[in-house]
C-alpha atoms as a PDB file:
ATOM      1  CA  UNK A   1     116.295 121.596 103.625  1.00  0.00           C
ATOM      2  CA  UNK A   2     117.165 120.387 100.185  1.00  0.00           C
ATOM      3  CA  UNK A   3     115.978 116.623  99.637  1.00  0.00           C
ATOM      4  CA  UNK A   4     116.564 114.046  96.486  1.00  0.00           C
ATOM      5  CA  UNK A   5     114.261 111.348  96.424  1.00  0.00           C
ATOM      6  CA  UNK A   6     113.378 108.243  94.446  1.00  0.00           C
ATOM      7  CA  UNK A   7     109.671 107.663  94.047  1.00  0.00           C
ATOM      8  CA  UNK A   8     107.762 105.108  93.106  1.00  0.00           C
ATOM      9  CA  UNK A   9     104.392 105.645  93.061  1.00  0.00           C
ATOM     10  CA  UNK A  10     101.825 102.694  92.104  1.00  0.00           C
ATOM     11  CA  UNK A  11      98.082 102.958  91.045  1.00  0.00           C
ATOM     12  CA  UNK A  12      96.222  99.674  92.261  1.00  0.00           C
ATOM     13  CA  UNK A  13      93.233  98.386  90.672  1.00  0.00           C
ATOM     14  CA  UNK A  14      93.556 100.594  87.553  1.00  0.00           C
ATOM     15  CA  UNK A  15      94.900  97.866  84.821  1.00  0.00           C
ATOM     16  CA  UNK A  16      98.835  96.848  83.635  1.00  0.00           C
ATOM     17  CA  UNK A  17      99.729 100.445  82.561  1.00  0.00           C
ATOM     18  CA  UNK A  18     100.249 102.898  84.645  1.00  0.00           C
ATOM     19  CA  UNK A  19     102.122 105.544  82.015  1.00  0.00           C
ATOM     20  CA  UNK A  20      99.577 107.960  82.476  1.00  0.00           C
ATOM     21  CA  UNK A  21      99.765 108.093  86.494  1.00  0.00           C
ATOM     22  CA  UNK A  22     103.214 108.504  85.784  1.00  0.00           C
ATOM     23  CA  UNK A  23     103.015 111.471  83.252  1.00  0.00           C
ATOM     24  CA  UNK A  24     100.455 113.543  85.405  1.00  0.00           C
ATOM     25  CA  UNK A  25     102.706 113.215  88.615  1.00  0.00           C
ATOM     26  CA  UNK A  26     105.696 114.424  86.697  1.00  0.00           C
ATOM     27  CA  UNK A  27     103.574 118.012  85.550  1.00  0.00           C
ATOM     28  CA  UNK A  28     102.701 118.271  89.083  1.00  0.00           C
ATOM     29  CA  UNK A  29     105.728 117.896  90.071  1.00  0.00           C
ATOM     30  CA  UNK A  30     107.405 120.285  87.432  1.00  0.00           C
ATOM     31  CA  UNK A  31     104.535 123.106  88.226  1.00  0.00           C
ATOM     32  CA  UNK A  32     105.536 122.968  91.434  1.00  0.00           C
ATOM     33  CA  UNK A  33     109.447 124.030  90.111  1.00  0.00           C
ATOM     34  CA  UNK A  34     111.221 120.651  90.909  1.00  0.00           C
ATOM     35  CA  UNK A  35     113.989 119.594  88.617  1.00  0.00           C
ATOM     36  CA  UNK A  36     113.049 115.467  88.224  1.00  0.00           C
ATOM     37  CA  UNK A  37     114.644 112.811  86.224  1.00  0.00           C
ATOM     38  CA  UNK A  38     112.694 109.979  85.083  1.00  0.00           C
ATOM     39  CA  UNK A  39     113.727 105.920  85.126  1.00  0.00           C
ATOM     40  CA  UNK A  40     113.176 103.341  84.469  1.00  0.00           C
ATOM     41  CA  UNK A  41     111.177 102.357  87.808  1.00  0.00           C
ATOM     42  CA  UNK A  42     110.313 105.611  89.325  1.00  0.00           C
ATOM     43  CA  UNK A  43     111.590 109.299  89.217  1.00  0.00           C
ATOM     44  CA  UNK A  44     114.202 111.109  90.855  1.00  0.00           C
ATOM     45  CA  UNK A  45     112.915 114.453  92.569  1.00  0.00           C
ATOM     46  CA  UNK A  46     115.097 117.414  93.807  1.00  0.00           C
ATOM     47  CA  UNK A  47     114.209 120.523  95.919  1.00  0.00           C
ATOM     48  CA  UNK A  48     112.838 121.393  99.024  1.00  0.00           C
ATOM     49  CA  UNK A  49     111.686 119.328 101.600  1.00  0.00           C
ATOM     50  CA  UNK A  50     108.400 120.837 101.822  1.00  0.00           C
ATOM     51  CA  UNK A  51     107.669 121.636  98.423  1.00  0.00           C
ATOM     52  CA  UNK A  52     108.495 117.881  97.257  1.00  0.00           C
ATOM     53  CA  UNK A  53     106.506 116.547  99.905  1.00  0.00           C
ATOM     54  CA  UNK A  54     103.536 118.685  99.070  1.00  0.00           C
ATOM     55  CA  UNK A  55     104.079 117.697  95.377  1.00  0.00           C
ATOM     56  CA  UNK A  56     103.900 114.186  96.329  1.00  0.00           C
ATOM     57  CA  UNK A  57     100.541 114.504  98.331  1.00  0.00           C
ATOM     58  CA  UNK A  58      99.240 116.194  95.533  1.00  0.00           C
ATOM     59  CA  UNK A  59     100.221 113.655  92.724  1.00  0.00           C
ATOM     60  CA  UNK A  60      98.322 110.826  95.145  1.00  0.00           C
ATOM     61  CA  UNK A  61      95.009 113.307  95.400  1.00  0.00           C
ATOM     62  CA  UNK A  62      94.992 113.807  91.763  1.00  0.00           C
ATOM     63  CA  UNK A  63      95.653 109.803  91.160  1.00  0.00           C
ATOM     64  CA  UNK A  64      93.043 108.947  93.273  1.00  0.00           C
ATOM     65  CA  UNK A  65      90.785 111.540  91.349  1.00  0.00           C
ATOM     66  CA  UNK A  66      91.758 109.630  88.016  1.00  0.00           C
ATOM     67  CA  UNK A  67      89.946 106.832  89.840  1.00  0.00           C
ATOM     68  CA  UNK A  68      92.944 104.391  91.434  1.00  0.00           C
ATOM     69  CA  UNK A  69      90.921 103.009  94.141  1.00  0.00           C
ATOM     70  CA  UNK A  70      94.719 102.363  96.179  1.00  0.00           C
ATOM     71  CA  UNK A  71      98.316 103.209  95.722  1.00  0.00           C
ATOM     72  CA  UNK A  72     101.504 101.967  96.727  1.00  0.00           C
ATOM     73  CA  UNK A  73     104.091 104.240  97.305  1.00  0.00           C
ATOM     74  CA  UNK A  74     108.010 103.629  97.708  1.00  0.00           C
ATOM     75  CA  UNK A  75     110.127 106.494  98.971  1.00  0.00           C
ATOM     76  CA  UNK A  76     113.769 106.691  99.235  1.00  0.00           C
ATOM     77  CA  UNK A  77     115.475 109.653 100.647  1.00  0.00           C
ATOM     78  CA  UNK A  78     118.680 111.883 101.273  1.00  0.00           C
ATOM     79  CA  UNK A  79     119.703 114.936 102.483  1.00  0.00           C
ATOM     80  CA  UNK A  80     122.748 116.968 103.003  1.00  0.00           C
ATOM     81  CA  UNK A  81     123.788 119.536 104.754  1.00  0.00           C
ATOM     82  CA  UNK A  82     127.623 120.031 104.935  1.00  0.00           C
ATOM     83  CA  UNK A  83     127.253 120.666 101.030  1.00  0.00           C
ATOM     84  CA  UNK A  84     124.586 121.435  97.991  1.00  0.00           C
ATOM     85  CA  UNK A  85     124.241 117.981  95.935  1.00  0.00           C
ATOM     86  CA  UNK A  86     121.707 118.034  93.353  1.00  0.00           C
ATOM     87  CA  UNK A  87     120.818 114.967  91.272  1.00  0.00           C
ATOM     88  CA  UNK A  88     123.372 116.230  88.502  1.00  0.00           C
ATOM     89  CA  UNK A  89     126.059 116.097  90.335  1.00  0.00           C
ATOM     90  CA  UNK A  90     125.486 112.591  92.423  1.00  0.00           C
ATOM     91  CA  UNK A  91     125.186 111.069  88.717  1.00  0.00           C
ATOM     92  CA  UNK A  92     128.292 112.840  87.092  1.00  0.00           C
ATOM     93  CA  UNK A  93     130.621 111.540  90.389  1.00  0.00           C
ATOM     94  CA  UNK A  94     130.062 107.928  89.336  1.00  0.00           C
ATOM     95  CA  UNK A  95     130.082 108.666  85.645  1.00  0.00           C
ATOM     96  CA  UNK A  96     133.807 109.980  85.928  1.00  0.00           C
ATOM     97  CA  UNK A  97     134.973 107.245  87.914  1.00  0.00           C
ATOM     98  CA  UNK A  98     133.672 105.173  84.886  1.00  0.00           C
END
């Protein structure tokens, strides 16, 4: 099943800046072949359910290996079975109305 998630991973106990952790996770998602789109407070990720969530797990493991003792993560997700719809489709459907 295809899924689109909005992921916000927040390493705790590592200081104020988290950009290096975001970049590390972004590399994991790209290595997994997932479509991603960064935004100001997270990352949209599109792909097969199992691949997406395996990459999220790998992201957590990697951030812990980078020294973060704790991570809090927020995930919003959506699936469709009536038709294929990706990140770009969702954005374009709104932009076409503007």
